[in-house]
Amino acid sequence: AELGVTVKCHLKIDTGLGRYGFMPSE
């Protein structure tokens, strides 16, 4: 928003590595 752009994104799901990502319960 500050830069006036739209950022493309990939959603990350955490299936057991325990680092980045939404838990399946989230």
mmCIF file of all heavy atoms, coordinates in Angstrom:
data_MODEL
# 
_entry.id   MODEL 
# 
loop_
_atom_site.group_PDB 
_atom_site.id 
_atom_site.type_symbol 
_atom_site.label_atom_id 
_atom_site.label_alt_id 
_atom_site.label_comp_id 
_atom_site.label_asym_id 
_atom_site.label_entity_id 
_atom_site.label_seq_id 
_atom_site.pdbx_PDB_ins_code 
_atom_site.Cartn_x 
_atom_site.Cartn_y 
_atom_site.Cartn_z 
_atom_site.occupancy 
_atom_site.B_iso_or_equiv 
_atom_site.pdbx_formal_charge 
_atom_site.auth_seq_id 
_atom_site.auth_comp_id 
_atom_site.auth_asym_id 
_atom_site.auth_atom_id 
_atom_site.pdbx_PDB_model_num 
ATOM 1   N N   . ALA A 1 1  ? 0.835  -1.204  0.000   1.00 0.00 ? 1  ALA A N   1 
ATOM 2   C CA  . ALA A 1 1  ? 0.000  0.000   0.000   1.00 0.00 ? 1  ALA A CA  1 
ATOM 3   C C   . ALA A 1 1  ? 0.868  1.253   0.000   1.00 0.00 ? 1  ALA A C   1 
ATOM 4   O O   . ALA A 1 1  ? 0.591  2.223   -0.708  1.00 0.00 ? 1  ALA A O   1 
ATOM 5   C CB  . ALA A 1 1  ? -0.924 -0.015  1.215   1.00 0.00 ? 1  ALA A CB  1 
ATOM 6   N N   . GLU A 1 2  ? 1.934  1.240   0.790   1.00 0.00 ? 2  GLU A N   1 
ATOM 7   C CA  . GLU A 1 2  ? 2.839  2.383   0.872   1.00 0.00 ? 2  GLU A CA  1 
ATOM 8   C C   . GLU A 1 2  ? 3.494  2.681   -0.479  1.00 0.00 ? 2  GLU A C   1 
ATOM 9   O O   . GLU A 1 2  ? 3.704  3.845   -0.852  1.00 0.00 ? 2  GLU A O   1 
ATOM 10  C CB  . GLU A 1 2  ? 3.909  2.116   1.925   1.00 0.00 ? 2  GLU A CB  1 
ATOM 11  C CG  . GLU A 1 2  ? 4.882  3.265   2.135   1.00 0.00 ? 2  GLU A CG  1 
ATOM 12  C CD  . GLU A 1 2  ? 5.918  2.955   3.201   1.00 0.00 ? 2  GLU A CD  1 
ATOM 13  O OE1 . GLU A 1 2  ? 5.652  2.115   4.083   1.00 0.00 ? 2  GLU A OE1 1 
ATOM 14  O OE2 . GLU A 1 2  ? 7.013  3.552   3.141   1.00 0.00 ? 2  GLU A OE2 1 
ATOM 15  N N   . LEU A 1 3  ? 3.797  1.605   -1.223  1.00 0.00 ? 3  LEU A N   1 
ATOM 16  C CA  . LEU A 1 3  ? 4.453  1.749   -2.518  1.00 0.00 ? 3  LEU A CA  1 
ATOM 17  C C   . LEU A 1 3  ? 3.466  1.911   -3.670  1.00 0.00 ? 3  LEU A C   1 
ATOM 18  O O   . LEU A 1 3  ? 3.865  2.176   -4.807  1.00 0.00 ? 3  LEU A O   1 
ATOM 19  C CB  . LEU A 1 3  ? 5.358  0.533   -2.784  1.00 0.00 ? 3  LEU A CB  1 
ATOM 20  C CG  . LEU A 1 3  ? 6.563  0.379   -1.853  1.00 0.00 ? 3  LEU A CG  1 
ATOM 21  C CD1 . LEU A 1 3  ? 7.185  -1.003  -2.009  1.00 0.00 ? 3  LEU A CD1 1 
ATOM 22  C CD2 . LEU A 1 3  ? 7.599  1.462   -2.145  1.00 0.00 ? 3  LEU A CD2 1 
ATOM 23  N N   . GLY A 1 4  ? 2.197  1.705   -3.384  1.00 0.00 ? 4  GLY A N   1 
ATOM 24  C CA  . GLY A 1 4  ? 1.174  1.809   -4.421  1.00 0.00 ? 4  GLY A CA  1 
ATOM 25  C C   . GLY A 1 4  ? 1.222  0.678   -5.425  1.00 0.00 ? 4  GLY A C   1 
ATOM 26  O O   . GLY A 1 4  ? 0.975  0.869   -6.626  1.00 0.00 ? 4  GLY A O   1 
ATOM 27  N N   . VAL A 1 5  ? 1.541  -0.545  -4.943  1.00 0.00 ? 5  VAL A N   1 
ATOM 28  C CA  . VAL A 1 5  ? 1.627  -1.704  -5.831  1.00 0.00 ? 5  VAL A CA  1 
ATOM 29  C C   . VAL A 1 5  ? 0.791  -2.853  -5.271  1.00 0.00 ? 5  VAL A C   1 
ATOM 30  O O   . VAL A 1 5  ? 0.350  -2.818  -4.120  1.00 0.00 ? 5  VAL A O   1 
ATOM 31  C CB  . VAL A 1 5  ? 3.090  -2.177  -5.997  1.00 0.00 ? 5  VAL A CB  1 
ATOM 32  C CG1 . VAL A 1 5  ? 3.943  -1.081  -6.620  1.00 0.00 ? 5  VAL A CG1 1 
ATOM 33  C CG2 . VAL A 1 5  ? 3.679  -2.639  -4.660  1.00 0.00 ? 5  VAL A CG2 1 
ATOM 34  N N   . THR A 1 6  ? 0.593  -3.844  -6.108  1.00 0.00 ? 6  THR A N   1 
ATOM 35  C CA  . THR A 1 6  ? -0.009 -5.096  -5.669  1.00 0.00 ? 6  THR A CA  1 
ATOM 36  C C   . THR A 1 6  ? 1.075  -6.160  -5.700  1.00 0.00 ? 6  THR A C   1 
ATOM 37  O O   . THR A 1 6  ? 1.781  -6.313  -6.699  1.00 0.00 ? 6  THR A O   1 
ATOM 38  C CB  . THR A 1 6  ? -1.170 -5.520  -6.592  1.00 0.00 ? 6  THR A CB  1 
ATOM 39  O OG1 . THR A 1 6  ? -2.188 -4.515  -6.544  1.00 0.00 ? 6  THR A OG1 1 
ATOM 40  C CG2 . THR A 1 6  ? -1.749 -6.861  -6.159  1.00 0.00 ? 6  THR A CG2 1 
ATOM 41  N N   . VAL A 1 7  ? 1.243  -6.881  -4.611  1.00 0.00 ? 7  VAL A N   1 
ATOM 42  C CA  . VAL A 1 7  ? 2.297  -7.882  -4.506  1.00 0.00 ? 7  VAL A CA  1 
ATOM 43  C C   . VAL A 1 7  ? 1.719  -9.273  -4.748  1.00 0.00 ? 7  VAL A C   1 
ATOM 44  O O   . VAL A 1 7  ? 0.742  -9.669  -4.105  1.00 0.00 ? 7  VAL A O   1 
ATOM 45  C CB  . VAL A 1 7  ? 2.963  -7.836  -3.116  1.00 0.00 ? 7  VAL A CB  1 
ATOM 46  C CG1 . VAL A 1 7  ? 4.000  -8.963  -2.977  1.00 0.00 ? 7  VAL A CG1 1 
ATOM 47  C CG2 . VAL A 1 7  ? 3.621  -6.487  -2.884  1.00 0.00 ? 7  VAL A CG2 1 
ATOM 48  N N   . LYS A 1 8  ? 2.330  -9.981  -5.686  1.00 0.00 ? 8  LYS A N   1 
ATOM 49  C CA  . LYS A 1 8  ? 1.948  -11.378 -5.896  1.00 0.00 ? 8  LYS A CA  1 
ATOM 50  C C   . LYS A 1 8  ? 2.475  -12.208 -4.730  1.00 0.00 ? 8  LYS A C   1 
ATOM 51  O O   . LYS A 1 8  ? 3.591  -11.969 -4.239  1.00 0.00 ? 8  LYS A O   1 
ATOM 52  C CB  . LYS A 1 8  ? 2.519  -11.894 -7.216  1.00 0.00 ? 8  LYS A CB  1 
ATOM 53  C CG  . LYS A 1 8  ? 1.880  -11.263 -8.445  1.00 0.00 ? 8  LYS A CG  1 
ATOM 54  C CD  . LYS A 1 8  ? 2.437  -11.872 -9.727  1.00 0.00 ? 8  LYS A CD  1 
ATOM 55  C CE  . LYS A 1 8  ? 1.758  -11.252 -10.944 1.00 0.00 ? 8  LYS A CE  1 
ATOM 56  N NZ  . LYS A 1 8  ? 2.297  -11.817 -12.215 1.00 0.00 ? 8  LYS A NZ  1 
ATOM 57  N N   . CYS A 1 9  ? 1.685  -13.182 -4.303  1.00 0.00 ? 9  CYS A N   1 
ATOM 58  C CA  . CYS A 1 9  ? 2.044  -13.969 -3.127  1.00 0.00 ? 9  CYS A CA  1 
ATOM 59  C C   . CYS A 1 9  ? 1.751  -15.451 -3.332  1.00 0.00 ? 9  CYS A C   1 
ATOM 60  O O   . CYS A 1 9  ? 0.838  -15.818 -4.081  1.00 0.00 ? 9  CYS A O   1 
ATOM 61  C CB  . CYS A 1 9  ? 1.249  -13.511 -1.900  1.00 0.00 ? 9  CYS A CB  1 
ATOM 62  S SG  . CYS A 1 9  ? 1.424  -11.765 -1.486  1.00 0.00 ? 9  CYS A SG  1 
ATOM 63  N N   . HIS A 1 10 ? 2.535  -16.291 -2.647  1.00 0.00 ? 10 HIS A N   1 
ATOM 64  C CA  . HIS A 1 10 ? 2.228  -17.708 -2.515  1.00 0.00 ? 10 HIS A CA  1 
ATOM 65  C C   . HIS A 1 10 ? 1.992  -17.982 -1.037  1.00 0.00 ? 10 HIS A C   1 
ATOM 66  O O   . HIS A 1 10 ? 2.811  -17.590 -0.189  1.00 0.00 ? 10 HIS A O   1 
ATOM 67  C CB  . HIS A 1 10 ? 3.375  -18.577 -3.024  1.00 0.00 ? 10 HIS A CB  1 
ATOM 68  C CG  . HIS A 1 10 ? 3.460  -18.655 -4.515  1.00 0.00 ? 10 HIS A CG  1 
ATOM 69  N ND1 . HIS A 1 10 ? 4.189  -19.632 -5.174  1.00 0.00 ? 10 HIS A ND1 1 
ATOM 70  C CD2 . HIS A 1 10 ? 2.901  -17.892 -5.486  1.00 0.00 ? 10 HIS A CD2 1 
ATOM 71  C CE1 . HIS A 1 10 ? 4.088  -19.439 -6.479  1.00 0.00 ? 10 HIS A CE1 1 
ATOM 72  N NE2 . HIS A 1 10 ? 3.310  -18.390 -6.689  1.00 0.00 ? 10 HIS A NE2 1 
ATOM 73  N N   . LEU A 1 11 ? 0.886  -18.613 -0.736  1.00 0.00 ? 11 LEU A N   1 
ATOM 74  C CA  . LEU A 1 11 ? 0.562  -18.974 0.643   1.00 0.00 ? 11 LEU A CA  1 
ATOM 75  C C   . LEU A 1 11 ? 1.394  -20.189 1.040   1.00 0.00 ? 11 LEU A C   1 
ATOM 76  O O   . LEU A 1 11 ? 1.543  -21.128 0.261   1.00 0.00 ? 11 LEU A O   1 
ATOM 77  C CB  . LEU A 1 11 ? -0.924 -19.292 0.772   1.00 0.00 ? 11 LEU A CB  1 
ATOM 78  C CG  . LEU A 1 11 ? -1.448 -19.445 2.206   1.00 0.00 ? 11 LEU A CG  1 
ATOM 79  C CD1 . LEU A 1 11 ? -1.686 -18.065 2.807   1.00 0.00 ? 11 LEU A CD1 1 
ATOM 80  C CD2 . LEU A 1 11 ? -2.736 -20.262 2.224   1.00 0.00 ? 11 LEU A CD2 1 
ATOM 81  N N   . LYS A 1 12 ? 1.933  -20.178 2.246   1.00 0.00 ? 12 LYS A N   1 
ATOM 82  C CA  . LYS A 1 12 ? 2.734  -21.308 2.728   1.00 0.00 ? 12 LYS A CA  1 
ATOM 83  C C   . LYS A 1 12 ? 1.965  -22.061 3.806   1.00 0.00 ? 12 LYS A C   1 
ATOM 84  O O   . LYS A 1 12 ? 1.456  -21.466 4.764   1.00 0.00 ? 12 LYS A O   1 
ATOM 85  C CB  . LYS A 1 12 ? 4.054  -20.791 3.299   1.00 0.00 ? 12 LYS A CB  1 
ATOM 86  C CG  . LYS A 1 12 ? 4.955  -21.867 3.916   1.00 0.00 ? 12 LYS A CG  1 
ATOM 87  C CD  . LYS A 1 12 ? 5.571  -22.759 2.852   1.00 0.00 ? 12 LYS A CD  1 
ATOM 88  C CE  . LYS A 1 12 ? 6.482  -23.821 3.473   1.00 0.00 ? 12 LYS A CE  1 
ATOM 89  N NZ  . LYS A 1 12 ? 7.694  -23.267 4.084   1.00 0.00 ? 12 LYS A NZ  1 
ATOM 90  N N   . ILE A 1 13 ? 1.896  -23.392 3.638   1.00 0.00 ? 13 ILE A N   1 
ATOM 91  C CA  . ILE A 1 13 ? 1.250  -24.268 4.616   1.00 0.00 ? 13 ILE A CA  1 
ATOM 92  C C   . ILE A 1 13 ? 2.326  -25.090 5.314   1.00 0.00 ? 13 ILE A C   1 
ATOM 93  O O   . ILE A 1 13 ? 3.184  -25.687 4.660   1.00 0.00 ? 13 ILE A O   1 
ATOM 94  C CB  . ILE A 1 13 ? 0.234  -25.218 3.937   1.00 0.00 ? 13 ILE A CB  1 
ATOM 95  C CG1 . ILE A 1 13 ? -0.799 -24.431 3.126   1.00 0.00 ? 13 ILE A CG1 1 
ATOM 96  C CG2 . ILE A 1 13 ? -0.442 -26.108 4.980   1.00 0.00 ? 13 ILE A CG2 1 
ATOM 97  C CD1 . ILE A 1 13 ? -1.652 -23.499 3.938   1.00 0.00 ? 13 ILE A CD1 1 
ATOM 98  N N   . ASP A 1 14 ? 2.296  -25.129 6.640   1.00 0.00 ? 14 ASP A N   1 
ATOM 99  C CA  . ASP A 1 14 ? 3.247  -25.925 7.419   1.00 0.00 ? 14 ASP A CA  1 
ATOM 100 C C   . ASP A 1 14 ? 2.657  -27.305 7.672   1.00 0.00 ? 14 ASP A C   1 
ATOM 101 O O   . ASP A 1 14 ? 1.722  -27.459 8.452   1.00 0.00 ? 14 ASP A O   1 
ATOM 102 C CB  . ASP A 1 14 ? 3.538  -25.227 8.750   1.00 0.00 ? 14 ASP A CB  1 
ATOM 103 C CG  . ASP A 1 14 ? 4.535  -25.986 9.615   1.00 0.00 ? 14 ASP A CG  1 
ATOM 104 O OD1 . ASP A 1 14 ? 5.024  -27.040 9.169   1.00 0.00 ? 14 ASP A OD1 1 
ATOM 105 O OD2 . ASP A 1 14 ? 4.809  -25.527 10.736  1.00 0.00 ? 14 ASP A OD2 1 
ATOM 106 N N   . THR A 1 15 ? 3.202  -28.309 6.988   1.00 0.00 ? 15 THR A N   1 
ATOM 107 C CA  . THR A 1 15 ? 2.695  -29.672 7.159   1.00 0.00 ? 15 THR A CA  1 
ATOM 108 C C   . THR A 1 15 ? 3.601  -30.525 8.038   1.00 0.00 ? 15 THR A C   1 
ATOM 109 O O   . THR A 1 15 ? 3.468  -31.750 8.072   1.00 0.00 ? 15 THR A O   1 
ATOM 110 C CB  . THR A 1 15 ? 2.531  -30.357 5.784   1.00 0.00 ? 15 THR A CB  1 
ATOM 111 O OG1 . THR A 1 15 ? 3.781  -30.286 5.077   1.00 0.00 ? 15 THR A OG1 1 
ATOM 112 C CG2 . THR A 1 15 ? 1.435  -29.685 4.975   1.00 0.00 ? 15 THR A CG2 1 
ATOM 113 N N   . GLY A 1 16 ? 4.536  -29.885 8.744   1.00 0.00 ? 16 GLY A N   1 
ATOM 114 C CA  . GLY A 1 16 ? 5.360  -30.658 9.665   1.00 0.00 ? 16 GLY A CA  1 
ATOM 115 C C   . GLY A 1 16 ? 6.805  -30.232 9.785   1.00 0.00 ? 16 GLY A C   1 
ATOM 116 O O   . GLY A 1 16 ? 7.545  -30.780 10.609  1.00 0.00 ? 16 GLY A O   1 
ATOM 117 N N   . LEU A 1 17 ? 7.247  -29.240 9.019   1.00 0.00 ? 17 LEU A N   1 
ATOM 118 C CA  . LEU A 1 17 ? 8.624  -28.791 9.126   1.00 0.00 ? 17 LEU A CA  1 
ATOM 119 C C   . LEU A 1 17 ? 8.816  -27.865 10.323  1.00 0.00 ? 17 LEU A C   1 
ATOM 120 O O   . LEU A 1 17 ? 9.896  -27.799 10.916  1.00 0.00 ? 17 LEU A O   1 
ATOM 121 C CB  . LEU A 1 17 ? 9.059  -28.092 7.837   1.00 0.00 ? 17 LEU A CB  1 
ATOM 122 C CG  . LEU A 1 17 ? 10.534 -27.709 7.727   1.00 0.00 ? 17 LEU A CG  1 
ATOM 123 C CD1 . LEU A 1 17 ? 11.430 -28.945 7.845   1.00 0.00 ? 17 LEU A CD1 1 
ATOM 124 C CD2 . LEU A 1 17 ? 10.806 -27.001 6.408   1.00 0.00 ? 17 LEU A CD2 1 
ATOM 125 N N   . GLY A 1 18 ? 7.770  -27.113 10.672  1.00 0.00 ? 18 GLY A N   1 
ATOM 126 C CA  . GLY A 1 18 ? 7.833  -26.287 11.873  1.00 0.00 ? 18 GLY A CA  1 
ATOM 127 C C   . GLY A 1 18 ? 8.510  -24.947 11.691  1.00 0.00 ? 18 GLY A C   1 
ATOM 128 O O   . GLY A 1 18 ? 8.904  -24.330 12.683  1.00 0.00 ? 18 GLY A O   1 
ATOM 129 N N   . ARG A 1 19 ? 8.639  -24.489 10.442  1.00 0.00 ? 19 ARG A N   1 
ATOM 130 C CA  . ARG A 1 19 ? 9.226  -23.168 10.223  1.00 0.00 ? 19 ARG A CA  1 
ATOM 131 C C   . ARG A 1 19 ? 8.112  -22.230 9.754   1.00 0.00 ? 19 ARG A C   1 
ATOM 132 O O   . ARG A 1 19 ? 7.210  -21.904 10.506  1.00 0.00 ? 19 ARG A O   1 
ATOM 133 C CB  . ARG A 1 19 ? 10.382 -23.259 9.205   1.00 0.00 ? 19 ARG A CB  1 
ATOM 134 C CG  . ARG A 1 19 ? 11.529 -24.121 9.706   1.00 0.00 ? 19 ARG A CG  1 
ATOM 135 C CD  . ARG A 1 19 ? 12.798 -24.000 8.867   1.00 0.00 ? 19 ARG A CD  1 
ATOM 136 N NE  . ARG A 1 19 ? 12.576 -24.200 7.447   1.00 0.00 ? 19 ARG A NE  1 
ATOM 137 C CZ  . ARG A 1 19 ? 13.522 -24.589 6.600   1.00 0.00 ? 19 ARG A CZ  1 
ATOM 138 N NH1 . ARG A 1 19 ? 14.738 -24.830 7.052   1.00 0.00 ? 19 ARG A NH1 1 
ATOM 139 N NH2 . ARG A 1 19 ? 13.252 -24.738 5.322   1.00 0.00 ? 19 ARG A NH2 1 
ATOM 140 N N   . TYR A 1 20 ? 8.190  -21.761 8.519   1.00 0.00 ? 20 TYR A N   1 
ATOM 141 C CA  . TYR A 1 20 ? 7.175  -20.852 8.003   1.00 0.00 ? 20 TYR A CA  1 
ATOM 142 C C   . TYR A 1 20 ? 5.898  -21.604 7.636   1.00 0.00 ? 20 TYR A C   1 
ATOM 143 O O   . TYR A 1 20 ? 5.923  -22.761 7.268   1.00 0.00 ? 20 TYR A O   1 
ATOM 144 C CB  . TYR A 1 20 ? 7.685  -20.137 6.743   1.00 0.00 ? 20 TYR A CB  1 
ATOM 145 C CG  . TYR A 1 20 ? 9.019  -19.455 6.911   1.00 0.00 ? 20 TYR A CG  1 
ATOM 146 C CD1 . TYR A 1 20 ? 10.117 -19.837 6.147   1.00 0.00 ? 20 TYR A CD1 1 
ATOM 147 C CD2 . TYR A 1 20 ? 9.183  -18.424 7.823   1.00 0.00 ? 20 TYR A CD2 1 
ATOM 148 C CE1 . TYR A 1 20 ? 11.347 -19.201 6.286   1.00 0.00 ? 20 TYR A CE1 1 
ATOM 149 C CE2 . TYR A 1 20 ? 10.401 -17.784 7.971   1.00 0.00 ? 20 TYR A CE2 1 
ATOM 150 C CZ  . TYR A 1 20 ? 11.484 -18.183 7.201   1.00 0.00 ? 20 TYR A CZ  1 
ATOM 151 O OH  . TYR A 1 20 ? 12.688 -17.558 7.343   1.00 0.00 ? 20 TYR A OH  1 
ATOM 152 N N   . GLY A 1 21 ? 4.775  -20.894 7.719   1.00 0.00 ? 21 GLY A N   1 
ATOM 153 C CA  . GLY A 1 21 ? 3.538  -21.451 7.194   1.00 0.00 ? 21 GLY A CA  1 
ATOM 154 C C   . GLY A 1 21 ? 2.413  -21.555 8.202   1.00 0.00 ? 21 GLY A C   1 
ATOM 155 O O   . GLY A 1 21 ? 2.628  -21.689 9.407   1.00 0.00 ? 21 GLY A O   1 
ATOM 156 N N   . PHE A 1 22 ? 1.195  -21.506 7.658   1.00 0.00 ? 22 PHE A N   1 
ATOM 157 C CA  . PHE A 1 22 ? 0.001  -21.700 8.466   1.00 0.00 ? 22 PHE A CA  1 
ATOM 158 C C   . PHE A 1 22 ? -0.138 -23.180 8.803   1.00 0.00 ? 22 PHE A C   1 
ATOM 159 O O   . PHE A 1 22 ? 0.013  -24.049 7.937   1.00 0.00 ? 22 PHE A O   1 
ATOM 160 C CB  . PHE A 1 22 ? -1.247 -21.253 7.700   1.00 0.00 ? 22 PHE A CB  1 
ATOM 161 C CG  . PHE A 1 22 ? -1.353 -19.766 7.508   1.00 0.00 ? 22 PHE A CG  1 
ATOM 162 C CD1 . PHE A 1 22 ? -0.823 -19.159 6.377   1.00 0.00 ? 22 PHE A CD1 1 
ATOM 163 C CD2 . PHE A 1 22 ? -1.987 -18.976 8.453   1.00 0.00 ? 22 PHE A CD2 1 
ATOM 164 C CE1 . PHE A 1 22 ? -0.925 -17.789 6.189   1.00 0.00 ? 22 PHE A CE1 1 
ATOM 165 C CE2 . PHE A 1 22 ? -2.098 -17.600 8.281   1.00 0.00 ? 22 PHE A CE2 1 
ATOM 166 C CZ  . PHE A 1 22 ? -1.558 -17.006 7.143   1.00 0.00 ? 22 PHE A CZ  1 
ATOM 167 N N   . MET A 1 23 ? -0.454 -23.467 10.043  1.00 0.00 ? 23 MET A N   1 
ATOM 168 C CA  . MET A 1 23 ? -0.784 -24.834 10.423  1.00 0.00 ? 23 MET A CA  1 
ATOM 169 C C   . MET A 1 23 ? -2.109 -25.212 9.764   1.00 0.00 ? 23 MET A C   1 
ATOM 170 O O   . MET A 1 23 ? -2.957 -24.349 9.536   1.00 0.00 ? 23 MET A O   1 
ATOM 171 C CB  . MET A 1 23 ? -0.909 -24.951 11.936  1.00 0.00 ? 23 MET A CB  1 
ATOM 172 C CG  . MET A 1 23 ? 0.343  -24.553 12.694  1.00 0.00 ? 23 MET A CG  1 
ATOM 173 S SD  . MET A 1 23 ? 1.663  -25.767 12.537  1.00 0.00 ? 23 MET A SD  1 
ATOM 174 C CE  . MET A 1 23 ? 1.026  -27.049 13.616  1.00 0.00 ? 23 MET A CE  1 
ATOM 175 N N   . PRO A 1 24 ? -2.319 -26.489 9.450   1.00 0.00 ? 24 PRO A N   1 
ATOM 176 C CA  . PRO A 1 24 ? -3.604 -26.896 8.868   1.00 0.00 ? 24 PRO A CA  1 
ATOM 177 C C   . PRO A 1 24 ? -4.802 -26.483 9.722   1.00 0.00 ? 24 PRO A C   1 
ATOM 178 O O   . PRO A 1 24 ? -5.889 -26.238 9.199   1.00 0.00 ? 24 PRO A O   1 
ATOM 179 C CB  . PRO A 1 24 ? -3.469 -28.415 8.786   1.00 0.00 ? 24 PRO A CB  1 
ATOM 180 C CG  . PRO A 1 24 ? -2.000 -28.637 8.606   1.00 0.00 ? 24 PRO A CG  1 
ATOM 181 C CD  . PRO A 1 24 ? -1.353 -27.595 9.471   1.00 0.00 ? 24 PRO A CD  1 
ATOM 182 N N   . SER A 1 25 ? -4.592 -26.363 11.023  1.00 0.00 ? 25 SER A N   1 
ATOM 183 C CA  . SER A 1 25 ? -5.673 -25.934 11.924  1.00 0.00 ? 25 SER A CA  1 
ATOM 184 C C   . SER A 1 25 ? -5.955 -24.439 11.833  1.00 0.00 ? 25 SER A C   1 
ATOM 185 O O   . SER A 1 25 ? -6.917 -23.945 12.424  1.00 0.00 ? 25 SER A O   1 
ATOM 186 C CB  . SER A 1 25 ? -5.328 -26.309 13.364  1.00 0.00 ? 25 SER A CB  1 
ATOM 187 O OG  . SER A 1 25 ? -4.120 -25.672 13.773  1.00 0.00 ? 25 SER A OG  1 
ATOM 188 N N   . GLU A 1 26 ? -5.107 -23.704 11.106  1.00 0.00 ? 26 GLU A N   1 
ATOM 189 C CA  . GLU A 1 26 ? -5.240 -22.253 10.982  1.00 0.00 ? 26 GLU A CA  1 
ATOM 190 C C   . GLU A 1 26 ? -5.803 -21.830 9.627   1.00 0.00 ? 26 GLU A C   1 
ATOM 191 O O   . GLU A 1 26 ? -5.528 -20.732 9.146   1.00 0.00 ? 26 GLU A O   1 
ATOM 192 C CB  . GLU A 1 26 ? -3.875 -21.587 11.198  1.00 0.00 ? 26 GLU A CB  1 
ATOM 193 C CG  . GLU A 1 26 ? -3.294 -21.833 12.585  1.00 0.00 ? 26 GLU A CG  1 
ATOM 194 C CD  . GLU A 1 26 ? -1.883 -21.272 12.748  1.00 0.00 ? 26 GLU A CD  1 
ATOM 195 O OE1 . GLU A 1 26 ? -1.095 -21.366 11.776  1.00 0.00 ? 26 GLU A OE1 1 
ATOM 196 O OE2 . GLU A 1 26 ? -1.584 -20.742 13.837  1.00 0.00 ? 26 GLU A OE2 1 
# 
